[in-house]
Amino acid sequence: MKAIRIDASGGPEVMQWQDITLPPPGPDEVRLRHTAIGLNFIDTYHRSGLYPIGFPSGLGLEAAGVVEAVGEGVTLTEGTRVGYCWGPIGAYATHRNIAAAMLVELPDGVSDEMAAAGLLKGCTTEFLIERCAEVRPGDTALVPAAAGGVGLLLVQWLKLVGAHVIAVAGTPQKLALAAAYGADHGVLDTSDVAKEVRALTGGPNSAGGVDVVFDGVGKNSWESSLDSLKRRGLMISFGNASGPVAGVDLGILARKGSLFATRPTLFDYYTSPEERQAHAGRVLQLMASGGLKLAINQRYKLANAAKAHEDLAARLTTGSTVLIP
């Protein structure tokens, strides 16, 4: 058995491909043989130290695989296909032991690669739109980094609930990709994004703007995202792809139109086995039916996960990426 381990925070070079030995699964645990592993920006935050973790550590929160052995009290049977995206950290491995309560069974219409590529991003999309923003038909939403893994799912889910979607991306090709997944308009992030958004939504004054921004970029887009909101609009900052937002002056929310702002995480919206089964079940159902289409545009060998991290940070990827054991 093999796994990626790190002994200290740093760049991709700290990732080590090591032999591991697992004991038999304990009570309420199963042993999984991973077949596909998801790559997510949060993995880079754990590796770099932006989100502190203890050492030594594995990496990765999301994977799909097959149950190979079960501990006492587990109702899952050997051979069952399952997925997870809530951790604990350690998905970058060929095998692992994990609590059965953290797993969801995969339906026939969802492949292992689909689950590994889309479960964390899909569950993030679900809670952001359905339970955090509570988007309604007719609302207008702005999606920075719309050609990324979460971005493309946000575009699709927003269209499913009847929202009007403005996509932001770095190249015309990425905007075209977002449009192919349903975005109504596209804005290059090299332009004056807020000015373009207000032109699309009713003019340069406070009467224009979007109802909600789903911003996973962070520092580089914070100001333009706020300036793109209508009066009493909602800013959802859910990621740090360009670095964390720091030194926030709450008074800016008043000056820009009595705005609302939140910094949610997946783990506060998927807190129990019941929530995981219900809401992840909906995500998997939409994947199986084709209501959510996944763009798995990159595949790397698990042993080459450092290269995957480099490409993700360099914005060389689109859609979703999987690591193959």
Protein backbone atom coordinates (compact mmCIF):
# COMPACT_ATOMS: atom_id res chain seq x y z
CA MET A 1 0.00 0.00 0.00
CA LYS A 2 1.18 3.52 -0.85
CA ALA A 3 0.29 7.07 0.17
CA ILE A 4 1.36 10.68 -0.23
CA ARG A 5 2.70 12.01 3.09
CA ILE A 6 4.05 15.37 4.20
CA ASP A 7 6.20 16.12 7.24
CA ALA A 8 6.01 19.93 7.02
CA SER A 9 4.10 22.61 5.16
CA GLY A 10 5.50 24.00 1.93
CA GLY A 11 5.35 23.72 -1.84
CA PRO A 12 4.56 20.60 -3.87
CA GLU A 13 8.09 19.35 -3.22
CA VAL A 14 7.16 18.40 0.38
CA MET A 15 4.88 15.62 -0.92
CA GLN A 16 6.46 12.18 -0.49
CA TRP A 17 5.33 8.87 -2.04
CA GLN A 18 5.70 6.34 0.77
CA ASP A 19 4.90 2.76 1.70
CA ILE A 20 2.23 2.40 4.39
CA THR A 21 0.93 -0.48 6.49
CA LEU A 22 -2.69 -0.57 7.67
CA PRO A 23 -4.09 -2.56 10.59
CA PRO A 24 -7.43 -4.35 10.19
CA PRO A 25 -10.37 -1.93 10.30
CA GLY A 26 -11.59 -1.19 13.82
CA PRO A 27 -15.18 -1.14 15.10
CA ASP A 28 -17.45 0.90 12.81
CA GLU A 29 -14.64 1.23 10.23
CA VAL A 30 -14.04 -0.16 6.78
CA ARG A 31 -10.92 -0.60 4.70
CA LEU A 32 -11.22 1.02 1.28
CA ARG A 33 -9.24 0.31 -1.85
CA HIS A 34 -9.28 3.66 -3.61
CA THR A 35 -9.96 3.64 -7.33
CA ALA A 36 -10.02 7.41 -7.93
CA ILE A 37 -9.13 10.43 -5.79
CA GLY A 38 -10.31 14.01 -6.15
CA LEU A 39 -7.97 17.00 -6.42
CA ASN A 40 -9.27 20.17 -4.74
CA PHE A 41 -7.87 23.59 -3.90
CA ILE A 42 -8.29 22.86 -0.20
CA ASP A 43 -5.61 20.17 -0.60
CA THR A 44 -3.13 22.88 -1.55
CA TYR A 45 -4.18 24.95 1.47
CA HIS A 46 -3.46 22.00 3.78
CA ARG A 47 -0.10 21.37 2.08
CA SER A 48 1.01 25.02 2.12
CA GLY A 49 -0.03 25.74 5.71
CA LEU A 50 -2.76 28.23 4.80
CA TYR A 51 -5.08 25.86 6.67
CA PRO A 52 -2.88 24.49 9.51
CA ILE A 53 -2.76 20.74 10.08
CA GLY A 54 -0.67 18.47 12.29
CA PHE A 55 2.37 16.56 11.05
CA PRO A 56 3.16 14.05 9.78
CA SER A 57 0.03 14.01 7.65
CA GLY A 58 -1.58 12.68 4.54
CA LEU A 59 -3.43 14.88 2.06
CA GLY A 60 -6.81 14.83 0.37
CA LEU A 61 -10.43 14.80 1.53
CA GLU A 62 -12.22 13.08 -1.35
CA ALA A 63 -12.10 9.69 -3.01
CA ALA A 64 -14.10 6.77 -4.33
CA GLY A 65 -13.36 3.11 -3.97
CA VAL A 66 -14.42 -0.37 -2.99
CA VAL A 67 -14.94 -1.76 0.51
CA GLU A 68 -12.34 -4.49 1.03
CA ALA A 69 -12.89 -5.32 4.72
CA VAL A 70 -15.29 -4.25 7.47
CA GLY A 71 -14.98 -3.88 11.21
CA GLU A 72 -17.43 -4.81 13.94
CA GLY A 73 -20.80 -3.09 13.70
CA VAL A 74 -20.55 -2.12 10.02
CA THR A 75 -23.55 -2.86 7.78
CA LEU A 76 -21.75 -2.14 4.50
CA THR A 77 -20.63 -5.30 2.72
CA GLU A 78 -17.34 -6.07 1.03
CA GLY A 79 -17.39 -5.10 -2.63
CA THR A 80 -19.68 -2.08 -2.15
CA ARG A 81 -18.71 1.01 -4.15
CA VAL A 82 -18.60 4.12 -1.98
CA GLY A 83 -17.36 7.69 -1.96
CA TYR A 84 -16.64 10.46 0.53
CA CYS A 85 -15.57 14.10 0.49
CA TRP A 86 -15.48 15.16 4.14
CA GLY A 87 -12.20 13.61 5.10
CA PRO A 88 -10.56 13.06 7.44
CA ILE A 89 -7.42 14.06 5.57
CA GLY A 90 -5.67 11.11 3.96
CA ALA A 91 -7.39 10.39 0.65
CA TYR A 92 -4.10 10.50 -1.30
CA ALA A 93 -3.53 6.78 -0.73
CA THR A 94 -4.10 3.48 -2.46
CA HIS A 95 -5.92 2.17 0.66
CA ARG A 96 -7.18 3.56 3.95
CA ASN A 97 -9.30 2.74 6.98
CA ILE A 98 -12.21 5.14 7.52
CA ALA A 99 -15.39 5.35 9.60
CA ALA A 100 -18.32 3.83 7.72
CA ALA A 101 -20.49 6.81 8.76
CA MET A 102 -18.39 9.06 6.50
CA LEU A 103 -19.28 7.09 3.35
CA VAL A 104 -22.08 7.25 0.82
CA GLU A 105 -22.92 4.41 -1.53
CA LEU A 106 -22.52 5.19 -5.22
CA PRO A 107 -25.48 4.59 -7.56
CA ASP A 108 -25.00 2.62 -10.77
CA GLY A 109 -25.13 5.78 -12.90
CA VAL A 110 -22.12 7.35 -11.17
CA SER A 111 -18.68 5.96 -11.94
CA ASP A 112 -15.86 5.98 -9.40
CA GLU A 113 -14.09 8.74 -11.36
CA MET A 114 -17.28 10.83 -11.44
CA ALA A 115 -17.67 10.51 -7.68
CA ALA A 116 -14.04 11.37 -6.97
CA ALA A 117 -14.12 14.30 -9.37
CA GLY A 118 -17.45 15.73 -8.35
CA LEU A 119 -18.60 14.78 -4.88
CA LEU A 120 -16.79 17.49 -2.90
CA LYS A 121 -17.37 20.10 -5.60
CA GLY A 122 -20.98 18.99 -6.02
CA CYS A 123 -21.72 19.06 -2.30
CA THR A 124 -20.07 22.47 -2.09
CA THR A 125 -22.30 23.66 -4.93
CA GLU A 126 -25.39 22.21 -3.27
CA PHE A 127 -24.95 23.92 0.07
CA LEU A 128 -23.81 27.24 -1.42
CA ILE A 129 -26.83 27.60 -3.70
CA GLU A 130 -29.57 25.75 -1.83
CA ARG A 131 -28.86 26.37 1.84
CA CYS A 132 -26.43 29.28 2.08
CA ALA A 133 -27.68 31.67 -0.62
CA GLU A 134 -31.15 30.13 -0.99
CA VAL A 135 -31.16 31.22 -4.63
CA ARG A 136 -34.61 31.76 -6.13
CA PRO A 137 -35.82 31.70 -9.75
CA GLY A 138 -35.01 35.00 -11.41
CA ASP A 139 -32.05 35.86 -9.17
CA THR A 140 -28.84 36.99 -10.86
CA ALA A 141 -25.56 35.41 -9.75
CA LEU A 142 -21.91 36.16 -10.49
CA VAL A 143 -19.46 33.24 -10.63
CA PRO A 144 -15.73 34.14 -10.66
CA ALA A 145 -13.44 31.32 -11.90
CA ALA A 146 -16.47 29.91 -13.68
CA ALA A 147 -14.45 27.43 -15.77
CA GLY A 148 -13.04 25.65 -12.73
CA GLY A 149 -14.38 22.48 -11.15
CA VAL A 150 -16.74 24.18 -8.71
CA GLY A 151 -17.41 27.02 -11.13
CA LEU A 152 -18.86 24.78 -13.84
CA LEU A 153 -21.07 23.01 -11.32
CA LEU A 154 -22.25 26.34 -9.89
CA VAL A 155 -23.22 27.50 -13.38
CA GLN A 156 -25.23 24.33 -14.01
CA TRP A 157 -26.99 24.23 -10.63
CA LEU A 158 -27.85 27.93 -10.81
CA LYS A 159 -29.50 27.35 -14.17
CA LEU A 160 -31.40 24.37 -12.74
CA VAL A 161 -32.97 26.64 -10.10
CA GLY A 162 -33.80 29.32 -12.65
CA ALA A 163 -31.10 31.92 -11.97
CA HIS A 164 -29.42 34.26 -14.46
CA VAL A 165 -25.65 33.56 -14.49
CA ILE A 166 -22.73 35.87 -15.28
CA ALA A 167 -19.46 33.96 -15.57
CA VAL A 168 -15.99 35.42 -14.96
CA ALA A 169 -12.86 33.70 -16.29
CA GLY A 170 -9.33 34.50 -17.44
CA THR A 171 -9.50 33.66 -21.14
CA PRO A 172 -12.08 33.67 -23.94
CA GLN A 173 -11.70 29.90 -24.14
CA LYS A 174 -12.65 29.51 -20.48
CA LEU A 175 -15.63 31.83 -20.94
CA ALA A 176 -16.72 29.71 -23.88
CA LEU A 177 -16.52 26.63 -21.66
CA ALA A 178 -18.70 28.31 -19.02
CA ALA A 179 -21.18 29.30 -21.73
CA ALA A 180 -21.33 25.70 -22.94
CA TYR A 181 -22.41 24.72 -19.42
CA GLY A 182 -25.15 27.35 -19.32
CA ALA A 183 -23.73 30.76 -18.38
CA ASP A 184 -25.83 33.60 -19.82
CA HIS A 185 -22.99 36.15 -20.05
CA GLY A 186 -19.21 36.13 -19.73
CA VAL A 187 -16.76 38.72 -18.42
CA LEU A 188 -12.96 38.49 -18.66
CA ASP A 189 -11.27 38.91 -15.30
CA THR A 190 -8.69 41.16 -16.97
CA SER A 191 -11.43 43.77 -17.56
CA ASP A 192 -13.21 46.05 -15.08
CA VAL A 193 -15.44 43.22 -13.89
CA ALA A 194 -17.78 45.32 -11.74
CA LYS A 195 -18.30 47.88 -14.53
CA GLU A 196 -19.12 45.10 -17.00
CA VAL A 197 -21.48 43.43 -14.53
CA ARG A 198 -23.35 46.65 -13.83
CA ALA A 199 -23.69 47.28 -17.55
CA LEU A 200 -25.29 43.84 -17.86
CA THR A 201 -27.62 44.34 -14.88
CA GLY A 202 -29.08 47.80 -15.18
CA GLY A 203 -26.46 50.50 -15.22
CA PRO A 204 -23.52 51.99 -13.31
CA ASN A 205 -25.36 53.11 -10.16
CA SER A 206 -26.58 51.17 -7.13
CA ALA A 207 -29.70 50.06 -9.02
CA GLY A 208 -27.56 47.61 -10.98
CA GLY A 209 -25.62 44.60 -9.76
CA VAL A 210 -26.17 40.94 -8.98
CA ASP A 211 -28.09 39.38 -6.12
CA VAL A 212 -25.26 37.07 -5.07
CA VAL A 213 -21.59 36.42 -5.81
CA PHE A 214 -20.10 32.93 -5.38
CA ASP A 215 -16.40 33.82 -5.01
CA GLY A 216 -13.84 31.05 -4.63
CA VAL A 217 -10.94 33.22 -5.82
CA GLY A 218 -10.39 35.26 -2.64
CA LYS A 219 -8.01 38.19 -2.40
CA ASN A 220 -7.76 39.14 -6.08
CA SER A 221 -11.51 39.34 -6.68
CA TRP A 222 -12.78 40.60 -3.31
CA GLU A 223 -13.17 44.25 -4.33
CA SER A 224 -14.61 43.58 -7.77
CA SER A 225 -17.06 41.05 -6.34
CA LEU A 226 -18.32 43.52 -3.74
CA ASP A 227 -18.63 46.22 -6.41
CA SER A 228 -20.67 43.85 -8.57
CA LEU A 229 -23.43 43.39 -5.96
CA LYS A 230 -26.74 45.21 -5.92
CA ARG A 231 -27.95 46.96 -2.78
CA ARG A 232 -28.43 44.37 0.01
CA GLY A 233 -26.71 41.75 -2.13
CA LEU A 234 -24.95 38.69 -0.71
CA MET A 235 -21.20 38.08 -0.96
CA ILE A 236 -20.27 34.41 -0.47
CA SER A 237 -16.49 34.05 -0.19
CA PHE A 238 -15.86 30.31 -0.11
CA GLY A 239 -12.25 29.90 -1.28
CA ASN A 240 -8.75 31.37 -1.46
CA ALA A 241 -7.39 30.42 -4.89
CA SER A 242 -5.52 33.76 -5.11
CA GLY A 243 -4.84 34.01 -1.37
CA PRO A 244 -7.00 34.76 1.66
CA VAL A 245 -9.02 37.93 2.10
CA ALA A 246 -7.46 39.81 5.02
CA GLY A 247 -7.91 43.08 6.88
CA VAL A 248 -11.61 43.36 6.08
CA ASP A 249 -13.27 46.60 7.14
CA LEU A 250 -16.90 45.73 7.92
CA GLY A 251 -17.87 49.31 7.17
CA ILE A 252 -17.25 48.62 3.49
CA LEU A 253 -20.44 46.54 3.46
CA ALA A 254 -22.43 49.60 4.48
CA ARG A 255 -20.68 51.92 2.05
CA LYS A 256 -21.35 49.61 -0.89
CA GLY A 257 -25.07 49.18 -0.26
CA SER A 258 -25.81 47.42 3.06
CA LEU A 259 -24.30 44.20 1.71
CA PHE A 260 -24.28 40.82 3.42
CA ALA A 261 -21.13 38.67 3.52
CA THR A 262 -20.38 35.14 4.69
CA ARG A 263 -17.38 32.78 4.68
CA PRO A 264 -18.96 29.31 4.79
CA THR A 265 -17.35 25.87 4.72
CA LEU A 266 -18.67 22.52 3.54
CA PHE A 267 -18.04 20.97 6.94
CA ASP A 268 -20.56 23.23 8.71
CA TYR A 269 -23.29 22.21 6.25
CA TYR A 270 -22.54 18.46 6.30
CA THR A 271 -22.29 17.83 10.02
CA SER A 272 -24.03 14.48 10.51
CA PRO A 273 -24.52 11.15 8.73
CA GLU A 274 -28.12 12.20 8.06
CA GLU A 275 -27.07 15.44 6.33
CA ARG A 276 -24.38 13.63 4.35
CA GLN A 277 -26.78 10.96 3.12
CA ALA A 278 -29.60 13.38 2.25
CA HIS A 279 -27.69 16.17 0.53
CA ALA A 280 -24.91 14.11 -1.03
CA GLY A 281 -27.62 11.75 -2.22
CA ARG A 282 -29.20 14.60 -4.16
CA VAL A 283 -25.84 15.50 -5.71
CA LEU A 284 -25.26 11.89 -6.79
CA GLN A 285 -28.80 11.67 -8.19
CA LEU A 286 -28.19 14.75 -10.36
CA MET A 287 -24.88 13.29 -11.55
CA ALA A 288 -26.53 9.98 -12.43
CA SER A 289 -29.38 11.66 -14.33
CA GLY A 290 -27.09 14.03 -16.25
CA GLY A 291 -28.50 17.10 -14.54
CA LEU A 292 -24.95 17.85 -13.39
CA LYS A 293 -22.33 17.19 -16.04
CA LEU A 294 -18.74 16.77 -14.91
CA ALA A 295 -15.80 17.89 -17.00
CA ILE A 296 -12.98 15.54 -15.97
CA ASN A 297 -10.29 17.27 -17.99
CA GLN A 298 -7.13 16.04 -16.23
CA ARG A 299 -5.94 12.72 -14.89
CA TYR A 300 -2.64 12.17 -13.06
CA LYS A 301 -1.10 9.13 -11.45
CA LEU A 302 -1.39 9.41 -7.69
CA ALA A 303 2.40 9.17 -7.44
CA ASN A 304 2.55 12.38 -9.54
CA ALA A 305 0.23 14.36 -7.28
CA ALA A 306 2.88 17.08 -6.84
CA LYS A 307 2.66 17.84 -10.57
CA ALA A 308 -1.11 18.06 -10.28
CA HIS A 309 -0.72 20.62 -7.47
CA GLU A 310 1.69 22.66 -9.60
CA ASP A 311 -0.69 22.73 -12.56
CA LEU A 312 -3.68 23.62 -10.39
CA ALA A 313 -1.84 26.57 -8.84
CA ALA A 314 -0.68 27.74 -12.27
CA ARG A 315 -4.28 27.80 -13.55
CA LEU A 316 -3.42 25.21 -16.18
CA THR A 317 -6.45 23.05 -15.37
CA THR A 318 -10.14 23.37 -16.19
CA GLY A 319 -13.08 21.46 -14.79
CA SER A 320 -12.19 18.61 -12.46
CA THR A 321 -9.04 16.55 -11.93
CA VAL A 322 -8.64 13.02 -10.61
CA LEU A 323 -5.65 11.18 -9.25
CA ILE A 324 -5.46 7.51 -10.19
CA PRO A 325 -3.81 5.04 -7.76
